[in-house]
């Protein structure tokens, strides 16, 4: 076996290790478990760092763990960038890698490690504090390591038109309901229903049946409208749940047919 073949084989094997859905060997499972565990620990680390007494006592360990994690994720990122040409859509050495860099998965990987390197630049510290929230992007790295992600993605793709229609109807309902409520309550409560955009806060809270109680109608017309909109909101927000349930049912049926065919 010549050097070119060895190089190509190493690259393909590395790509398979980093993408456990392609091949399922012992090593693939081990790498999968390591990355998933590391991502989960990173998320918990970010959460517990915000607890003062924990951060004071164990802050140094958090920082050490952060450095180790970033180094591992950085190596993973560049390994993915190197091996992505093993996949057909990224096959071209230059344009393929550029295409991979702007893909969702690669952007998640980049944002997951970017906050660590940014403090070494002349950047406003306030911006750095905000950008540190991007460390939570590491949780999205779980997507490529969990088989359920593909199932959920397929469901959303198959039901995208219906979900968009529900969103359009909901937004239309919010605009119409806010307009009616503004004209019903503005004179009675000008400070709370000062404009239609301000009234949209009340409408969203009412439609979602959260009911914070900070904005509520006092006129008879306003109360009647609120009762009607609250009841309508229950149905409107139950509709996407029904669509997704139907999508999951269809996807499970497809998988059963595939398994029966394979069997």
Protein backbone atom coordinates (compact mmCIF):
# COMPACT_ATOMS: atom_id res chain seq x y z
CA UNK A 1 0.00 0.00 0.00
CA UNK A 2 1.53 3.30 -1.09
CA UNK A 3 1.66 6.51 0.95
CA UNK A 4 -1.30 8.13 -0.85
CA UNK A 5 -3.56 5.17 -0.08
CA UNK A 6 -2.45 5.12 3.56
CA UNK A 7 -3.18 8.85 3.85
CA UNK A 8 -6.62 8.46 2.27
CA UNK A 9 -7.46 5.49 4.49
CA UNK A 10 -6.38 7.36 7.63
CA UNK A 11 -8.47 10.37 6.66
CA UNK A 12 -11.57 8.27 5.94
CA UNK A 13 -11.18 6.34 9.19
CA UNK A 14 -10.84 9.58 11.17
CA UNK A 15 -13.98 10.96 9.51
CA UNK A 16 -15.86 7.80 10.47
CA UNK A 17 -14.66 8.05 14.07
CA UNK A 18 -15.90 11.64 14.28
CA UNK A 19 -19.25 10.74 12.69
CA UNK A 20 -20.52 7.67 14.58
CA UNK A 21 -23.65 7.34 12.41
CA UNK A 22 -21.47 6.29 9.45
CA UNK A 23 -19.85 3.29 11.05
CA UNK A 24 -20.45 1.61 14.42
CA UNK A 25 -17.36 -0.12 15.72
CA UNK A 26 -15.96 -0.31 19.25
CA UNK A 27 -13.71 2.69 18.61
CA UNK A 28 -16.57 4.70 17.11
CA UNK A 29 -18.66 4.01 20.20
CA UNK A 30 -15.77 4.97 22.50
CA UNK A 31 -15.13 8.28 20.72
CA UNK A 32 -18.87 8.97 20.67
CA UNK A 33 -19.13 8.36 24.44
CA UNK A 34 -16.08 10.52 25.16
CA UNK A 35 -17.32 13.54 23.18
CA UNK A 36 -20.88 13.29 24.51
CA UNK A 37 -19.60 13.07 28.10
CA UNK A 38 -17.25 16.00 27.55
CA UNK A 39 -20.04 18.15 26.11
CA UNK A 40 -22.37 17.30 29.00
CA UNK A 41 -19.66 18.09 31.57
CA UNK A 42 -18.98 21.42 29.83
CA UNK A 43 -22.62 22.42 30.06
CA UNK A 44 -22.73 21.56 33.77
CA UNK A 45 -19.45 23.42 34.26
CA UNK A 46 -20.86 26.62 32.74
CA UNK A 47 -23.95 26.32 34.96
CA UNK A 48 -22.11 25.68 38.25
CA UNK A 49 -19.56 28.41 37.54
CA UNK A 50 -22.35 30.92 38.16
CA UNK A 51 -22.78 29.68 41.77
CA UNK A 52 -20.48 31.96 43.77
CA UNK A 53 -19.44 29.62 46.61
CA UNK A 54 -18.75 26.76 44.17
CA UNK A 55 -16.76 29.02 41.85
CA UNK A 56 -14.73 30.42 44.76
CA UNK A 57 -13.83 26.95 46.05
CA UNK A 58 -13.35 25.13 42.75
CA UNK A 59 -12.81 27.95 40.22
CA UNK A 60 -9.28 26.81 39.40
CA UNK A 61 -10.55 23.34 38.49
CA UNK A 62 -13.23 24.84 36.25
CA UNK A 63 -10.56 26.83 34.41
CA UNK A 64 -8.30 23.79 34.00
CA UNK A 65 -11.21 21.72 32.72
CA UNK A 66 -12.16 24.54 30.35
CA UNK A 67 -8.66 24.63 28.85
CA UNK A 68 -8.51 20.86 28.40
CA UNK A 69 -11.98 20.83 26.83
CA UNK A 70 -11.17 23.65 24.42
CA UNK A 71 -7.95 21.96 23.32
CA UNK A 72 -9.86 18.73 22.63
CA UNK A 73 -12.64 20.56 20.78
CA UNK A 74 -10.08 22.55 18.80
CA UNK A 75 -8.32 19.37 17.70
CA UNK A 76 -11.71 17.88 16.84
CA UNK A 77 -12.63 20.96 14.77
CA UNK A 78 -9.45 20.86 12.70
CA UNK A 79 -9.68 17.08 12.30
CA UNK A 80 -13.18 17.54 10.92
CA UNK A 81 -11.94 20.29 8.62
CA UNK A 82 -9.15 17.99 7.41
CA UNK A 83 -11.29 14.89 6.91
CA UNK A 84 -14.52 16.47 5.62
CA UNK A 85 -13.40 15.82 2.02
CA UNK A 86 -14.16 12.16 2.70
CA UNK A 87 -17.84 13.08 2.31
CA UNK A 88 -19.06 13.49 -1.25
CA UNK A 89 -20.54 16.97 -0.88
CA UNK A 90 -17.25 18.30 0.56
CA UNK A 91 -15.00 16.32 -1.79
CA UNK A 92 -13.18 19.29 -3.36
CA UNK A 93 -10.07 20.14 -1.29
CA UNK A 94 -10.60 23.93 -1.13
CA UNK A 95 -14.20 24.75 -2.08
CA UNK A 96 -15.40 21.65 -0.22
CA UNK A 97 -13.72 22.72 3.01
CA UNK A 98 -15.03 26.29 2.60
CA UNK A 99 -18.51 24.84 2.18
CA UNK A 100 -18.00 22.74 5.30
CA UNK A 101 -16.82 25.74 7.35
CA UNK A 102 -20.13 27.56 6.79
CA UNK A 103 -22.25 24.47 7.50
CA UNK A 104 -24.35 24.47 10.68
CA UNK A 105 -22.29 21.79 12.43
CA UNK A 106 -18.98 23.50 11.70
CA UNK A 107 -20.31 26.88 12.86
CA UNK A 108 -21.47 25.29 16.12
CA UNK A 109 -18.00 23.79 16.59
CA UNK A 110 -16.35 27.14 15.91
CA UNK A 111 -18.60 29.13 18.26
CA UNK A 112 -18.08 26.49 20.95
CA UNK A 113 -14.34 27.25 21.12
CA UNK A 114 -14.25 30.91 20.01
CA UNK A 115 -14.93 32.50 23.47
CA UNK A 116 -11.77 30.88 24.86
CA UNK A 117 -9.50 32.49 22.26
CA UNK A 118 -11.18 35.92 22.08
CA UNK A 119 -9.82 37.24 25.44
CA UNK A 120 -6.35 37.16 23.89
CA UNK A 121 -7.41 39.94 21.51
CA UNK A 122 -7.99 43.62 22.25
CA UNK A 123 -11.70 43.21 22.72
CA UNK A 124 -14.07 45.07 25.03
CA UNK A 125 -14.38 42.92 28.18
CA UNK A 126 -18.13 43.47 28.29
CA UNK A 127 -18.44 41.87 24.86
CA UNK A 128 -16.27 38.97 26.03
CA UNK A 129 -18.64 38.29 28.93
CA UNK A 130 -21.55 38.13 26.50
CA UNK A 131 -19.64 35.97 24.04
CA UNK A 132 -18.84 33.50 26.83
CA UNK A 133 -22.49 32.48 26.55
CA UNK A 134 -21.52 30.89 23.24
CA UNK A 135 -19.93 28.14 25.32
CA UNK A 136 -23.47 26.80 25.57
CA UNK A 137 -23.18 26.13 21.83
CA UNK A 138 -21.33 22.99 22.87
CA UNK A 139 -24.65 21.42 23.78
CA UNK A 140 -25.64 21.57 20.09
CA UNK A 141 -22.60 19.46 19.29
CA UNK A 142 -24.59 16.59 20.79
CA UNK A 143 -26.77 16.62 17.68
CA UNK A 144 -24.33 14.75 15.48
CA UNK A 145 -23.75 12.11 18.19
CA UNK A 146 -27.39 11.25 18.91
CA UNK A 147 -29.43 9.11 16.51
CA UNK A 148 -32.65 10.73 17.76
CA UNK A 149 -31.52 14.02 16.22
CA UNK A 150 -31.98 12.62 12.73
CA UNK A 151 -35.49 11.49 13.62
CA UNK A 152 -36.46 14.94 14.94
CA UNK A 153 -34.88 16.65 11.92
CA UNK A 154 -36.84 14.44 9.52
CA UNK A 155 -40.09 15.21 11.35
CA UNK A 156 -39.54 18.96 11.16
CA UNK A 157 -38.58 18.73 7.48
CA UNK A 158 -41.68 16.71 6.58
CA UNK A 159 -44.02 19.02 8.51
CA UNK A 160 -42.29 22.32 7.75
CA UNK A 161 -45.10 23.75 5.59
CA UNK A 162 -47.77 22.98 8.19
CA UNK A 163 -45.66 24.47 11.00
CA UNK A 164 -44.96 27.63 8.99
CA UNK A 165 -48.69 27.96 8.29
CA UNK A 166 -49.42 27.64 12.03
CA UNK A 167 -46.84 30.32 12.77
CA UNK A 168 -48.33 32.68 10.18
CA UNK A 169 -51.83 32.15 11.59
CA UNK A 170 -50.56 32.72 15.13
CA UNK A 171 -48.75 35.94 14.18
CA UNK A 172 -51.86 37.14 12.35
CA UNK A 173 -53.95 36.38 15.43
CA UNK A 174 -51.52 38.29 17.65
CA UNK A 175 -51.66 41.36 15.40
CA UNK A 176 -55.46 41.33 15.08
CA UNK A 177 -56.07 40.65 18.79
CA UNK A 178 -53.56 43.32 19.86
CA UNK A 179 -55.22 45.88 17.60
CA UNK A 180 -58.70 45.17 18.99
CA UNK A 181 -57.45 45.22 22.58
CA UNK A 182 -55.55 48.47 22.05
CA UNK A 183 -58.69 50.29 20.94
CA UNK A 184 -60.73 48.67 23.73
CA UNK A 185 -58.31 49.48 26.59
CA UNK A 186 -56.19 52.43 25.51
CA UNK A 187 -58.41 55.14 26.99
CA UNK A 188 -58.92 53.24 30.26
CA UNK A 189 -55.24 52.23 30.69
CA UNK A 190 -53.05 54.43 28.46
CA UNK A 191 -49.88 53.53 30.39
CA UNK A 192 -50.31 49.76 29.89
CA UNK A 193 -51.93 49.71 26.45
CA UNK A 194 -49.95 52.63 25.08
CA UNK A 195 -49.61 51.26 21.54
CA UNK A 196 -50.38 48.18 19.49
CA UNK A 197 -46.78 46.87 19.75
CA UNK A 198 -46.93 47.33 23.55
CA UNK A 199 -50.27 45.50 23.61
CA UNK A 200 -48.66 42.53 21.85
CA UNK A 201 -46.99 41.63 25.17
CA UNK A 202 -50.42 41.16 26.73
CA UNK A 203 -51.59 39.20 23.68
CA UNK A 204 -48.67 36.75 23.72
CA UNK A 205 -49.03 36.16 27.46
CA UNK A 206 -52.78 35.60 27.06
CA UNK A 207 -52.49 33.30 24.04
CA UNK A 208 -49.89 31.16 25.79
CA UNK A 209 -52.10 31.13 28.93
CA UNK A 210 -49.09 32.17 31.06
CA UNK A 211 -50.94 35.14 32.57
CA UNK A 212 -48.29 37.14 34.43
CA UNK A 213 -50.98 39.53 35.64
CA UNK A 214 -48.92 42.68 34.98
CA UNK A 215 -51.22 43.74 32.11
CA UNK A 216 -54.92 42.87 32.15
CA UNK A 217 -58.16 44.45 30.86
CA UNK A 218 -60.57 46.40 33.04
CA UNK A 219 -63.26 47.29 30.49
CA UNK A 220 -66.14 44.94 29.67
CA UNK A 221 -65.16 44.76 25.99
CA UNK A 222 -61.56 44.05 26.95
CA UNK A 223 -62.55 41.24 29.31
CA UNK A 224 -64.79 39.62 26.69
CA UNK A 225 -61.98 39.82 24.12
CA UNK A 226 -59.52 38.35 26.62
CA UNK A 227 -61.78 35.38 27.37
CA UNK A 228 -62.26 34.69 23.68
CA UNK A 229 -58.55 35.04 22.85
CA UNK A 230 -57.47 32.87 25.81
CA UNK A 231 -59.76 30.03 24.68
CA UNK A 232 -58.62 30.44 21.09
CA UNK A 233 -54.98 30.39 22.21
CA UNK A 234 -55.34 26.93 23.76
CA UNK A 235 -56.41 25.55 20.40
CA UNK A 236 -53.81 27.48 18.43
CA UNK A 237 -50.88 26.25 20.50
CA UNK A 238 -52.22 22.68 20.56
CA UNK A 239 -52.24 22.60 16.75
CA UNK A 240 -48.41 22.44 16.27
CA UNK A 241 -48.25 19.69 18.90
CA UNK A 242 -50.75 17.65 16.89
CA UNK A 243 -48.81 18.23 13.67
CA UNK A 244 -45.53 17.13 15.27
CA UNK A 245 -47.21 14.07 16.84
CA UNK A 246 -48.47 13.10 13.38
CA UNK A 247 -44.97 13.64 11.97
CA UNK A 248 -43.38 11.39 14.60
CA UNK A 249 -45.99 8.71 13.95
CA UNK A 250 -45.28 8.82 10.20
CA UNK A 251 -41.51 8.68 10.79
CA UNK A 252 -41.81 5.68 13.12
CA UNK A 253 -43.94 3.90 10.53
CA UNK A 254 -41.27 4.56 7.87
CA UNK A 255 -38.56 3.16 10.14
CA UNK A 256 -40.59 0.06 10.88
CA UNK A 257 -41.05 -0.55 7.13
CA UNK A 258 -37.30 -0.15 6.57
CA UNK A 259 -36.49 -2.55 9.44
CA UNK A 260 -38.99 -5.11 8.14
CA UNK A 261 -37.53 -4.81 4.64
CA UNK A 262 -33.97 -5.24 5.96
CA UNK A 263 -35.07 -8.16 8.08
